[in-house]
Amino acid sequence: MRLAFVGIQLKRLYRLVLLPFILTACILLAGLLLEGSWSPGRIRPVMMALTQVPVIAAGLSTAFVLNGDPIVELTESTPTGWRKVQVTRLLIITGAFLAAAGLLFIGLHLMRLWPRDQGWVSIITPVGSIFIVNCLVFLIAVLTMSMPTSSLASIAIWLFLCFIWDPYITDPVRQRLVPMIIAAAGAIFGWKICSDAERNVVKVAAL
């Protein structure tokens, strides 16, 4: 039953599940093409920009799948419940983007093109970014049930990490550990709020 439910969600979201792997393939291909004609020093700034694309895409994809569904009331009237639907969608999208981020890091690390590479520990940077953005977007989506608000929040979170937090904390573990703890706490809070069936139905009806 659980596998069937996950399969239903995967069937609905398969395009967004494929998206991070397509982005990863395109970025790795760009790295391979540039590697033949540019020096690593010239390529890394380009990779620094390109490696942010999956993080942005992860947040926007999460905002999309968690909002705008007109069947909240119907779902809440079944044993499945809206919370299970939302959490399953979050896990599917986040899992796909995390897996693709890991592959992207491995590829660029082996080509010695990963920006600010400090060894294998640097994998926490892209993986942590996606985890942070998606967990906080989940919280915003639960609180507002608004795709525009959730989308703007995902961009704001990414901007904060990219331009305010990361430049001043260079150690990869310290750079991601505290935000990941905060994001996980936010996701847990959103998970608890999402259990209120009456609130979910009323919130959607008011939109």
N, C-alpha and C. Protein backbone atom coordinates (compact mmCIF):
# COMPACT_ATOMS: atom_id res chain seq x y z
N MET A 1 0.84 -1.21 0.00
CA MET A 1 0.00 0.00 0.00
C MET A 1 0.87 1.26 0.00
N ARG A 2 1.91 1.24 0.85
CA ARG A 2 2.79 2.40 0.92
C ARG A 2 3.54 2.60 -0.39
N LEU A 3 4.04 1.49 -0.96
CA LEU A 3 4.75 1.58 -2.23
C LEU A 3 3.83 2.05 -3.34
N ALA A 4 2.58 1.61 -3.30
CA ALA A 4 1.61 2.04 -4.31
C ALA A 4 1.36 3.54 -4.20
N PHE A 5 1.27 4.03 -2.97
CA PHE A 5 1.04 5.46 -2.76
C PHE A 5 2.23 6.27 -3.27
N VAL A 6 3.44 5.82 -2.94
CA VAL A 6 4.64 6.51 -3.42
C VAL A 6 4.70 6.46 -4.94
N GLY A 7 4.30 5.32 -5.51
CA GLY A 7 4.29 5.19 -6.97
C GLY A 7 3.34 6.18 -7.63
N ILE A 8 2.19 6.40 -7.01
CA ILE A 8 1.23 7.37 -7.53
C ILE A 8 1.84 8.77 -7.55
N GLN A 9 2.51 9.13 -6.45
CA GLN A 9 3.13 10.44 -6.38
C GLN A 9 4.28 10.57 -7.38
N LEU A 10 5.06 9.50 -7.53
CA LEU A 10 6.16 9.52 -8.50
C LEU A 10 5.64 9.70 -9.92
N LYS A 11 4.54 9.04 -10.22
CA LYS A 11 3.95 9.15 -11.55
C LYS A 11 3.53 10.59 -11.82
N ARG A 12 3.05 11.25 -10.79
CA ARG A 12 2.61 12.63 -10.95
C ARG A 12 3.80 13.59 -11.07
N LEU A 13 4.88 13.27 -10.37
CA LEU A 13 6.00 14.21 -10.26
C LEU A 13 7.21 13.81 -11.10
N TYR A 14 7.07 12.83 -11.98
CA TYR A 14 8.27 12.26 -12.62
C TYR A 14 9.07 13.29 -13.42
N ARG A 15 8.40 14.28 -14.00
CA ARG A 15 9.13 15.30 -14.75
C ARG A 15 10.05 16.10 -13.84
N LEU A 16 9.54 16.46 -12.67
CA LEU A 16 10.36 17.22 -11.72
C LEU A 16 11.43 16.33 -11.09
N VAL A 17 11.17 15.03 -11.00
CA VAL A 17 12.18 14.11 -10.49
C VAL A 17 13.34 13.99 -11.48
N LEU A 18 13.04 14.03 -12.76
CA LEU A 18 14.09 13.95 -13.79
C LEU A 18 14.87 15.26 -13.93
N LEU A 19 14.23 16.39 -13.57
CA LEU A 19 14.85 17.70 -13.78
C LEU A 19 16.25 17.82 -13.19
N PRO A 20 16.47 17.47 -11.90
CA PRO A 20 17.82 17.65 -11.35
C PRO A 20 18.89 16.83 -12.06
N PHE A 21 18.53 15.67 -12.55
CA PHE A 21 19.50 14.83 -13.26
C PHE A 21 19.82 15.41 -14.64
N ILE A 22 18.82 16.03 -15.27
CA ILE A 22 19.06 16.71 -16.54
C ILE A 22 19.98 17.90 -16.33
N LEU A 23 19.72 18.68 -15.27
CA LEU A 23 20.58 19.82 -14.95
C LEU A 23 22.00 19.37 -14.66
N THR A 24 22.13 18.29 -13.90
CA THR A 24 23.46 17.76 -13.58
C THR A 24 24.21 17.36 -14.84
N ALA A 25 23.52 16.66 -15.74
CA ALA A 25 24.15 16.23 -16.99
C ALA A 25 24.60 17.43 -17.82
N CYS A 26 23.77 18.47 -17.87
CA CYS A 26 24.11 19.67 -18.65
C CYS A 26 25.32 20.39 -18.06
N ILE A 27 25.37 20.51 -16.73
CA ILE A 27 26.49 21.20 -16.09
C ILE A 27 27.78 20.41 -16.26
N LEU A 28 27.71 19.09 -16.11
CA LEU A 28 28.90 18.26 -16.31
C LEU A 28 29.38 18.33 -17.76
N LEU A 29 28.43 18.35 -18.69
CA LEU A 29 28.79 18.47 -20.10
C LEU A 29 29.48 19.80 -20.37
N ALA A 30 28.94 20.88 -19.76
CA ALA A 30 29.57 22.19 -19.91
C ALA A 30 30.99 22.17 -19.36
N GLY A 31 31.18 21.50 -18.22
CA GLY A 31 32.52 21.39 -17.65
C GLY A 31 33.47 20.65 -18.57
N LEU A 32 32.99 19.56 -19.16
CA LEU A 32 33.84 18.79 -20.09
C LEU A 32 34.21 19.60 -21.32
N LEU A 33 33.25 20.35 -21.86
CA LEU A 33 33.52 21.15 -23.05
C LEU A 33 34.50 22.28 -22.75
N LEU A 34 34.32 22.93 -21.60
CA LEU A 34 35.21 24.04 -21.25
C LEU A 34 36.59 23.55 -20.85
N GLU A 35 36.65 22.33 -20.32
CA GLU A 35 37.92 21.79 -19.84
C GLU A 35 38.94 21.68 -20.97
N GLY A 36 38.46 21.47 -22.18
CA GLY A 36 39.37 21.30 -23.30
C GLY A 36 39.98 22.58 -23.81
N SER A 37 39.35 23.73 -23.49
CA SER A 37 39.84 24.99 -24.06
C SER A 37 40.18 26.06 -23.02
N TRP A 38 39.65 25.93 -21.81
CA TRP A 38 39.90 26.92 -20.76
C TRP A 38 40.74 26.31 -19.66
N SER A 39 41.39 27.19 -18.91
CA SER A 39 42.13 26.75 -17.73
C SER A 39 41.15 26.55 -16.58
N PRO A 40 41.50 25.69 -15.59
CA PRO A 40 40.61 25.50 -14.43
C PRO A 40 40.27 26.80 -13.72
N GLY A 41 41.21 27.73 -13.68
CA GLY A 41 40.96 29.02 -13.03
C GLY A 41 39.87 29.82 -13.70
N ARG A 42 39.73 29.68 -15.00
CA ARG A 42 38.67 30.39 -15.73
C ARG A 42 37.34 29.65 -15.64
N ILE A 43 37.43 28.33 -15.54
CA ILE A 43 36.20 27.52 -15.53
C ILE A 43 35.49 27.61 -14.18
N ARG A 44 36.23 27.66 -13.08
CA ARG A 44 35.61 27.59 -11.75
C ARG A 44 34.59 28.69 -11.50
N PRO A 45 34.84 29.96 -11.89
CA PRO A 45 33.79 30.97 -11.70
C PRO A 45 32.50 30.64 -12.46
N VAL A 46 32.65 30.04 -13.64
CA VAL A 46 31.47 29.63 -14.41
C VAL A 46 30.74 28.52 -13.66
N MET A 47 31.51 27.56 -13.14
CA MET A 47 30.91 26.47 -12.38
C MET A 47 30.26 26.97 -11.09
N MET A 48 30.85 28.02 -10.51
CA MET A 48 30.28 28.59 -9.29
C MET A 48 28.86 29.09 -9.54
N ALA A 49 28.66 29.68 -10.72
CA ALA A 49 27.32 30.15 -11.08
C ALA A 49 26.41 28.99 -11.45
N LEU A 50 26.92 28.07 -12.26
CA LEU A 50 26.08 26.96 -12.73
C LEU A 50 25.65 26.03 -11.61
N THR A 51 26.51 25.84 -10.61
CA THR A 51 26.15 24.92 -9.52
C THR A 51 25.08 25.49 -8.60
N GLN A 52 24.75 26.77 -8.77
CA GLN A 52 23.64 27.34 -8.00
C GLN A 52 22.29 27.05 -8.64
N VAL A 53 22.31 26.71 -9.92
CA VAL A 53 21.05 26.47 -10.64
C VAL A 53 20.24 25.34 -10.01
N PRO A 54 20.85 24.18 -9.67
CA PRO A 54 20.05 23.12 -9.04
C PRO A 54 19.44 23.52 -7.70
N VAL A 55 20.12 24.37 -6.96
CA VAL A 55 19.58 24.81 -5.66
C VAL A 55 18.33 25.65 -5.88
N ILE A 56 18.41 26.58 -6.83
CA ILE A 56 17.24 27.40 -7.16
C ILE A 56 16.10 26.53 -7.68
N ALA A 57 16.44 25.61 -8.57
CA ALA A 57 15.43 24.71 -9.14
C ALA A 57 14.78 23.85 -8.08
N ALA A 58 15.57 23.41 -7.10
CA ALA A 58 15.03 22.57 -6.02
C ALA A 58 13.97 23.33 -5.22
N GLY A 59 14.28 24.58 -4.86
CA GLY A 59 13.32 25.37 -4.09
C GLY A 59 12.05 25.66 -4.86
N LEU A 60 12.19 26.03 -6.13
CA LEU A 60 11.02 26.34 -6.94
C LEU A 60 10.19 25.09 -7.21
N SER A 61 10.85 23.97 -7.43
CA SER A 61 10.12 22.71 -7.66
C SER A 61 9.34 22.30 -6.42
N THR A 62 9.96 22.46 -5.27
CA THR A 62 9.28 22.13 -4.01
C THR A 62 8.08 23.04 -3.79
N ALA A 63 8.26 24.33 -4.06
CA ALA A 63 7.14 25.26 -3.92
C ALA A 63 6.00 24.87 -4.85
N PHE A 64 6.34 24.41 -6.04
CA PHE A 64 5.32 24.04 -7.02
C PHE A 64 4.53 22.81 -6.58
N VAL A 65 5.22 21.77 -6.12
CA VAL A 65 4.52 20.52 -5.80
C VAL A 65 3.75 20.59 -4.49
N LEU A 66 4.10 21.54 -3.62
CA LEU A 66 3.44 21.62 -2.32
C LEU A 66 2.28 22.60 -2.30
N ASN A 67 2.04 23.29 -3.40
CA ASN A 67 0.98 24.30 -3.43
C ASN A 67 0.09 24.12 -4.65
N GLY A 68 -1.08 24.73 -4.56
CA GLY A 68 -1.97 24.78 -5.71
C GLY A 68 -2.77 23.53 -5.97
N ASP A 69 -2.79 22.59 -5.02
CA ASP A 69 -3.56 21.37 -5.22
C ASP A 69 -4.99 21.58 -4.73
N PRO A 70 -6.00 21.40 -5.57
CA PRO A 70 -7.38 21.68 -5.18
C PRO A 70 -8.06 20.55 -4.41
N ILE A 71 -7.34 19.45 -4.14
CA ILE A 71 -8.01 18.29 -3.54
C ILE A 71 -7.69 18.12 -2.06
N VAL A 72 -7.34 19.21 -1.38
CA VAL A 72 -7.00 19.12 0.04
C VAL A 72 -8.16 18.53 0.84
N GLU A 73 -9.36 19.07 0.63
CA GLU A 73 -10.53 18.61 1.39
C GLU A 73 -10.80 17.13 1.12
N LEU A 74 -10.68 16.72 -0.14
CA LEU A 74 -10.90 15.31 -0.48
C LEU A 74 -9.85 14.42 0.19
N THR A 75 -8.61 14.86 0.16
CA THR A 75 -7.53 14.06 0.76
C THR A 75 -7.70 13.94 2.26
N GLU A 76 -8.11 15.04 2.90
CA GLU A 76 -8.29 15.02 4.35
C GLU A 76 -9.45 14.13 4.77
N SER A 77 -10.35 13.82 3.84
CA SER A 77 -11.48 12.96 4.17
C SER A 77 -11.15 11.47 4.01
N THR A 78 -9.92 11.18 3.61
CA THR A 78 -9.48 9.79 3.44
C THR A 78 -8.48 9.43 4.53
N PRO A 79 -8.21 8.14 4.73
CA PRO A 79 -7.22 7.73 5.73
C PRO A 79 -5.81 8.22 5.42
N THR A 80 -5.55 8.56 4.17
CA THR A 80 -4.21 9.01 3.79
C THR A 80 -3.83 10.29 4.49
N GLY A 81 -4.69 11.29 4.40
CA GLY A 81 -4.42 12.58 5.05
C GLY A 81 -3.50 13.45 4.20
N TRP A 82 -3.71 14.75 4.34
CA TRP A 82 -2.95 15.72 3.55
C TRP A 82 -1.48 15.75 3.94
N ARG A 83 -1.20 15.56 5.23
CA ARG A 83 0.20 15.61 5.69
C ARG A 83 1.03 14.53 5.00
N LYS A 84 0.48 13.34 4.89
CA LYS A 84 1.22 12.25 4.24
C LYS A 84 1.51 12.58 2.78
N VAL A 85 0.54 13.18 2.11
CA VAL A 85 0.73 13.56 0.71
C VAL A 85 1.86 14.58 0.59
N GLN A 86 1.81 15.62 1.42
CA GLN A 86 2.80 16.69 1.34
C GLN A 86 4.20 16.19 1.69
N VAL A 87 4.30 15.41 2.76
CA VAL A 87 5.61 14.91 3.18
C VAL A 87 6.19 13.97 2.13
N THR A 88 5.35 13.14 1.55
CA THR A 88 5.83 12.22 0.50
C THR A 88 6.34 13.00 -0.70
N ARG A 89 5.62 14.03 -1.10
CA ARG A 89 6.07 14.85 -2.23
C ARG A 89 7.39 15.54 -1.90
N LEU A 90 7.49 16.06 -0.68
CA LEU A 90 8.73 16.72 -0.25
C LEU A 90 9.90 15.75 -0.31
N LEU A 91 9.70 14.54 0.21
CA LEU A 91 10.78 13.55 0.24
C LEU A 91 11.19 13.13 -1.17
N ILE A 92 10.22 12.98 -2.06
CA ILE A 92 10.54 12.57 -3.43
C ILE A 92 11.38 13.63 -4.14
N ILE A 93 10.90 14.88 -4.09
CA ILE A 93 11.61 15.96 -4.77
C ILE A 93 12.98 16.20 -4.14
N THR A 94 13.02 16.25 -2.82
CA THR A 94 14.29 16.50 -2.14
C THR A 94 15.27 15.36 -2.38
N GLY A 95 14.78 14.13 -2.32
CA GLY A 95 15.65 12.98 -2.57
C GLY A 95 16.26 13.02 -3.96
N ALA A 96 15.45 13.38 -4.96
CA ALA A 96 15.96 13.45 -6.34
C ALA A 96 17.03 14.52 -6.48
N PHE A 97 16.76 15.69 -5.91
CA PHE A 97 17.73 16.78 -6.02
C PHE A 97 18.99 16.51 -5.21
N LEU A 98 18.87 15.85 -4.06
CA LEU A 98 20.05 15.50 -3.27
C LEU A 98 20.92 14.49 -4.01
N ALA A 99 20.29 13.49 -4.61
CA ALA A 99 21.05 12.49 -5.37
C ALA A 99 21.78 13.13 -6.54
N ALA A 100 21.07 14.01 -7.25
CA ALA A 100 21.69 14.68 -8.40
C ALA A 100 22.81 15.61 -7.95
N ALA A 101 22.62 16.28 -6.81
CA ALA A 101 23.67 17.17 -6.28
C ALA A 101 24.92 16.38 -5.93
N GLY A 102 24.73 15.20 -5.36
CA GLY A 102 25.87 14.34 -5.06
C GLY A 102 26.62 13.93 -6.31
N LEU A 103 25.89 13.55 -7.35
CA LEU A 103 26.52 13.18 -8.62
C LEU A 103 27.24 14.36 -9.25
N LEU A 104 26.63 15.54 -9.15
CA LEU A 104 27.25 16.74 -9.71
C LEU A 104 28.57 17.05 -9.01
N PHE A 105 28.55 16.97 -7.68
CA PHE A 105 29.79 17.23 -6.94
C PHE A 105 30.87 16.22 -7.30
N ILE A 106 30.51 14.95 -7.32
CA ILE A 106 31.49 13.91 -7.64
C ILE A 106 32.12 14.15 -9.01
N GLY A 107 31.28 14.47 -9.99
CA GLY A 107 31.78 14.71 -11.34
C GLY A 107 32.74 15.89 -11.41
N LEU A 108 32.33 17.02 -10.83
CA LEU A 108 33.17 18.22 -10.88
C LEU A 108 34.40 18.08 -9.99
N HIS A 109 34.26 17.37 -8.88
CA HIS A 109 35.40 17.14 -7.99
C HIS A 109 36.46 16.31 -8.71
N LEU A 110 36.05 15.27 -9.41
CA LEU A 110 37.01 14.43 -10.14
C LEU A 110 37.66 15.19 -11.29
N MET A 111 36.93 16.17 -11.85
CA MET A 111 37.51 17.00 -12.91
C MET A 111 38.29 18.18 -12.34
N ARG A 112 38.27 18.29 -11.00
CA ARG A 112 38.94 19.39 -10.29
C ARG A 112 38.38 20.75 -10.70
N LEU A 113 37.08 20.79 -10.86
CA LEU A 113 36.40 22.02 -11.27
C LEU A 113 35.40 22.50 -10.23
N TRP A 114 35.28 21.79 -9.10
CA TRP A 114 34.32 22.23 -8.09
C TRP A 114 34.82 23.52 -7.44
N PRO A 115 33.99 24.56 -7.37
CA PRO A 115 34.42 25.83 -6.77
C PRO A 115 34.75 25.67 -5.28
N ARG A 116 35.84 26.26 -4.86
CA ARG A 116 36.26 26.24 -3.45
C ARG A 116 36.33 24.81 -2.91
N ASP A 117 36.88 23.93 -3.70
CA ASP A 117 36.95 22.52 -3.33
C ASP A 117 37.93 22.30 -2.18
N GLN A 118 37.43 21.71 -1.10
CA GLN A 118 38.27 21.37 0.05
C GLN A 118 38.29 19.86 0.29
N GLY A 119 38.10 19.11 -0.75
CA GLY A 119 38.07 17.66 -0.62
C GLY A 119 36.64 17.14 -0.61
N TRP A 120 36.51 15.86 -0.27
CA TRP A 120 35.20 15.22 -0.31
C TRP A 120 34.21 15.82 0.68
N VAL A 121 34.73 16.48 1.73
CA VAL A 121 33.83 17.09 2.71
C VAL A 121 33.00 18.21 2.08
N SER A 122 33.48 18.75 0.96
CA SER A 122 32.76 19.84 0.30
C SER A 122 31.42 19.42 -0.28
N ILE A 123 31.17 18.11 -0.32
CA ILE A 123 29.87 17.65 -0.82
C ILE A 123 28.72 18.16 0.05
N ILE A 124 29.04 18.51 1.30
CA ILE A 124 28.00 19.01 2.20
C ILE A 124 27.45 20.36 1.73
N THR A 125 28.24 21.09 0.93
CA THR A 125 27.79 22.42 0.47
C THR A 125 26.57 22.32 -0.45
N PRO A 126 26.63 21.60 -1.57
CA PRO A 126 25.43 21.53 -2.42
C PRO A 126 24.30 20.74 -1.79
N VAL A 127 24.65 19.63 -1.13
CA VAL A 127 23.62 18.80 -0.50
C VAL A 127 22.93 19.57 0.62
N GLY A 128 23.73 20.26 1.43
CA GLY A 128 23.17 21.05 2.53
C GLY A 128 22.30 22.19 2.04
N SER A 129 22.71 22.84 0.95
CA SER A 129 21.92 23.95 0.40
C SER A 129 20.53 23.49 0.01
N ILE A 130 20.46 22.37 -0.69
CA ILE A 130 19.16 21.85 -1.14
C ILE A 130 18.32 21.43 0.06
N PHE A 131 18.93 20.78 1.03
CA PHE A 131 18.21 20.37 2.23
C PHE A 131 17.63 21.58 2.95
N ILE A 132 18.44 22.62 3.12
CA ILE A 132 18.00 23.83 3.83
C ILE A 132 16.85 24.50 3.10
N VAL A 133 17.04 24.74 1.81
CA VAL A 133 16.01 25.43 1.03
C VAL A 133 14.70 24.65 1.03
N ASN A 134 14.76 23.35 0.78
CA ASN A 134 13.53 22.56 0.67
C ASN A 134 12.80 22.43 2.00
N CYS A 135 13.54 22.25 3.09
CA CYS A 135 12.89 22.15 4.40
C CYS A 135 12.17 23.45 4.76
N LEU A 136 12.82 24.58 4.50
CA LEU A 136 12.20 25.86 4.84
C LEU A 136 11.05 26.20 3.89
N VAL A 137 11.17 25.81 2.63
CA VAL A 137 10.05 26.01 1.70
C VAL A 137 8.85 25.17 2.13
N PHE A 138 9.11 23.97 2.62
CA PHE A 138 8.02 23.14 3.15
C PHE A 138 7.29 23.86 4.28
N LEU A 139 8.05 24.46 5.19
CA LEU A 139 7.44 25.21 6.29
C LEU A 139 6.60 26.37 5.76
N ILE A 140 7.16 27.14 4.84
CA ILE A 140 6.44 28.28 4.27
C ILE A 140 5.19 27.82 3.54
N ALA A 141 5.29 26.72 2.81
CA ALA A 141 4.14 26.20 2.08
C ALA A 141 3.03 25.77 3.02
N VAL A 142 3.39 25.15 4.13
CA VAL A 142 2.39 24.73 5.12
C VAL A 142 1.73 25.95 5.75
N LEU A 143 2.52 26.97 6.05
CA LEU A 143 1.98 28.16 6.72
C LEU A 143 1.10 28.99 5.80
N THR A 144 1.48 29.12 4.53
CA THR A 144 0.79 30.04 3.63
C THR A 144 -0.08 29.35 2.57
N MET A 145 0.29 28.12 2.19
CA MET A 145 -0.38 27.42 1.08
C MET A 145 -0.46 28.31 -0.16
N SER A 146 0.60 29.05 -0.39
CA SER A 146 0.66 29.98 -1.53
C SER A 146 1.92 29.70 -2.34
N MET A 147 1.75 29.37 -3.62
CA MET A 147 2.92 29.09 -4.45
C MET A 147 3.77 30.34 -4.68
N PRO A 148 3.19 31.52 -4.95
CA PRO A 148 4.04 32.70 -5.11
C PRO A 148 4.87 33.01 -3.87
N THR A 149 4.23 32.93 -2.69
CA THR A 149 4.95 33.20 -1.45
C THR A 149 6.06 32.18 -1.22
N SER A 150 5.75 30.91 -1.44
CA SER A 150 6.75 29.85 -1.26
C SER A 150 7.90 30.00 -2.25
N SER A 151 7.58 30.38 -3.47
CA SER A 151 8.62 30.56 -4.49
C SER A 151 9.54 31.72 -4.13
N LEU A 152 8.95 32.83 -3.72
CA LEU A 152 9.75 33.99 -3.30
C LEU A 152 10.61 33.65 -2.09
N ALA A 153 10.03 32.87 -1.17
CA ALA A 153 10.79 32.46 0.01
C ALA A 153 11.99 31.60 -0.38
N SER A 154 11.81 30.72 -1.35
CA SER A 154 12.92 29.86 -1.79
C SER A 154 14.06 30.70 -2.37
N ILE A 155 13.72 31.72 -3.14
CA ILE A 155 14.74 32.60 -3.71
C ILE A 155 15.42 33.40 -2.61
N ALA A 156 14.63 33.89 -1.64
CA ALA A 156 15.20 34.67 -0.54
C ALA A 156 16.17 33.83 0.29
N ILE A 157 15.80 32.59 0.56
CA ILE A 157 16.68 31.69 1.33
C ILE A 157 17.97 31.44 0.57
N TRP A 158 17.86 31.19 -0.73
CA TRP A 158 19.05 30.96 -1.54
C TRP A 158 19.95 32.20 -1.56
N LEU A 159 19.36 33.37 -1.73
CA LEU A 159 20.14 34.61 -1.73
C LEU A 159 20.87 34.80 -0.41
N PHE A 160 20.19 34.50 0.70
CA PHE A 160 20.83 34.63 2.01
C PHE A 160 22.03 33.71 2.12
N LEU A 161 21.85 32.45 1.74
CA LEU A 161 22.96 31.50 1.83
C LEU A 161 24.11 31.91 0.91
N CYS A 162 23.78 32.27 -0.31
CA CYS A 162 24.79 32.50 -1.34
C CYS A 162 25.58 33.79 -1.12
N PHE A 163 24.90 34.85 -0.71
CA PHE A 163 25.54 36.16 -0.67
C PHE A 163 25.79 36.71 0.73
N ILE A 164 25.15 36.16 1.74
CA ILE A 164 25.33 36.68 3.10
C ILE A 164 26.03 35.67 4.00
N TRP A 165 25.56 34.43 3.98
CA TRP A 165 26.11 33.42 4.90
C TRP A 165 27.42 32.81 4.41
N ASP A 166 27.40 32.27 3.20
CA ASP A 166 28.56 31.50 2.70
C ASP A 166 29.86 32.30 2.58
N PRO A 167 29.83 33.57 2.12
CA PRO A 167 31.10 34.28 1.96
C PRO A 167 31.88 34.48 3.26
N TYR A 168 31.20 34.43 4.39
CA TYR A 168 31.87 34.72 5.66
C TYR A 168 32.20 33.47 6.46
N ILE A 169 31.71 32.31 6.02
CA ILE A 169 32.02 31.05 6.71
C ILE A 169 32.55 30.08 5.66
N THR A 170 33.85 29.89 5.64
CA THR A 170 34.48 29.12 4.57
C THR A 170 34.56 27.62 4.85
N ASP A 171 34.55 27.23 6.12
CA ASP A 171 34.60 25.80 6.43
C ASP A 171 33.28 25.15 6.03
N PRO A 172 33.30 24.13 5.17
CA PRO A 172 32.05 23.56 4.65
C PRO A 172 31.11 23.03 5.73
N VAL A 173 31.66 22.37 6.75
CA VAL A 173 30.82 21.79 7.79
C VAL A 173 30.16 22.89 8.62
N ARG A 174 30.95 23.85 9.08
CA ARG A 174 30.38 24.96 9.85
C ARG A 174 29.42 25.78 9.00
N GLN A 175 29.72 25.86 7.73
CA GLN A 175 28.90 26.65 6.81
C GLN A 175 27.48 26.11 6.69
N ARG A 176 27.33 24.79 6.79
CA ARG A 176 26.03 24.18 6.57
C ARG A 176 25.37 23.62 7.83
N LEU A 177 26.14 23.31 8.86
CA LEU A 177 25.60 22.61 10.02
C LEU A 177 24.48 23.38 10.71
N VAL A 178 24.75 24.63 11.08
CA VAL A 178 23.75 25.42 11.81
C VAL A 178 22.49 25.66 10.96
N PRO A 179 22.63 26.12 9.71
CA PRO A 179 21.42 26.29 8.89
C PRO A 179 20.63 25.00 8.70
N MET A 180 21.33 23.86 8.59
CA MET A 180 20.63 22.59 8.42
C MET A 180 19.83 22.22 9.66
N ILE A 181 20.38 22.49 10.84
CA ILE A 181 19.66 22.23 12.09
C ILE A 181 18.41 23.10 12.17
N ILE A 182 18.56 24.38 11.82
CA ILE A 182 17.42 25.30 11.84
C ILE A 182 16.36 24.86 10.82
N ALA A 183 16.81 24.48 9.63
CA ALA A 183 15.87 24.05 8.59
C ALA A 183 15.13 22.78 9.00
N ALA A 184 15.85 21.84 9.61
CA ALA A 184 15.21 20.60 10.06
C ALA A 184 14.16 20.89 11.13
N ALA A 185 14.49 21.81 12.04
CA ALA A 185 13.52 22.20 13.07
C ALA A 185 12.29 22.84 12.44
N GLY A 186 12.51 23.67 11.42
CA GLY A 186 11.39 24.29 10.71
C GLY A 186 10.52 23.27 10.01
N ALA A 187 11.14 22.26 9.41
CA ALA A 187 10.37 21.20 8.73
C ALA A 187 9.55 20.39 9.73
N ILE A 188 10.13 20.12 10.89
CA ILE A 188 9.39 19.38 11.94
C ILE A 188 8.19 20.19 12.41
N PHE A 189 8.40 21.50 12.58
CA PHE A 189 7.30 22.38 12.98
C PHE A 189 6.21 22.38 11.91
N GLY A 190 6.61 22.46 10.64
CA GLY A 190 5.64 22.42 9.55
C GLY A 190 4.90 21.09 9.51
N TRP A 191 5.61 20.00 9.80
CA TRP A 191 5.00 18.67 9.82
C TRP A 191 3.91 18.60 10.89
N LYS A 192 4.15 19.21 12.04
CA LYS A 192 3.15 19.20 13.11
C LYS A 192 1.94 20.05 12.73
N ILE A 193 2.19 21.21 12.14
CA ILE A 193 1.08 22.08 11.73
C ILE A 193 0.23 21.39 10.67
N CYS A 194 0.88 20.67 9.78
CA CYS A 194 0.20 20.03 8.65
C CYS A 194 -0.77 18.93 9.10
N SER A 195 -0.68 18.52 10.36
CA SER A 195 -1.57 17.46 10.86
C SER A 195 -2.96 17.98 11.19
N ASP A 196 -3.14 19.31 11.21
CA ASP A 196 -4.43 19.91 11.53
C ASP A 196 -5.31 19.92 10.28
N ALA A 197 -6.16 18.92 10.14
CA ALA A 197 -6.98 18.76 8.94
C ALA A 197 -7.93 19.94 8.74
N GLU A 198 -8.56 20.40 9.83
CA GLU A 198 -9.51 21.51 9.71
C GLU A 198 -8.81 22.76 9.22
N ARG A 199 -7.63 23.03 9.76
CA ARG A 199 -6.88 24.21 9.35
C ARG A 199 -6.52 24.13 7.87
N ASN A 200 -6.11 22.96 7.41
CA ASN A 200 -5.71 22.80 6.01
C ASN A 200 -6.86 23.10 5.07
N VAL A 201 -8.05 22.58 5.38
CA VAL A 201 -9.21 22.79 4.52
C VAL A 201 -9.63 24.26 4.54
N VAL A 202 -9.68 24.86 5.73
CA VAL A 202 -10.08 26.26 5.85
C VAL A 202 -9.09 27.17 5.14
N LYS A 203 -7.80 26.87 5.27
CA LYS A 203 -6.76 27.69 4.65
C LYS A 203 -6.90 27.69 3.14
N VAL A 204 -7.11 26.52 2.55
CA VAL A 204 -7.27 26.42 1.10
C VAL A 204 -8.55 27.11 0.65
N ALA A 205 -9.62 26.97 1.42
CA ALA A 205 -10.89 27.59 1.06
C ALA A 205 -10.79 29.11 1.06
N ALA A 206 -9.89 29.65 1.90
CA ALA A 206 -9.75 31.09 2.02
C ALA A 206 -8.89 31.69 0.91
N LEU A 207 -8.17 30.85 0.17
CA LEU A 207 -7.28 31.35 -0.87
C LEU A 207 -8.06 31.80 -2.10
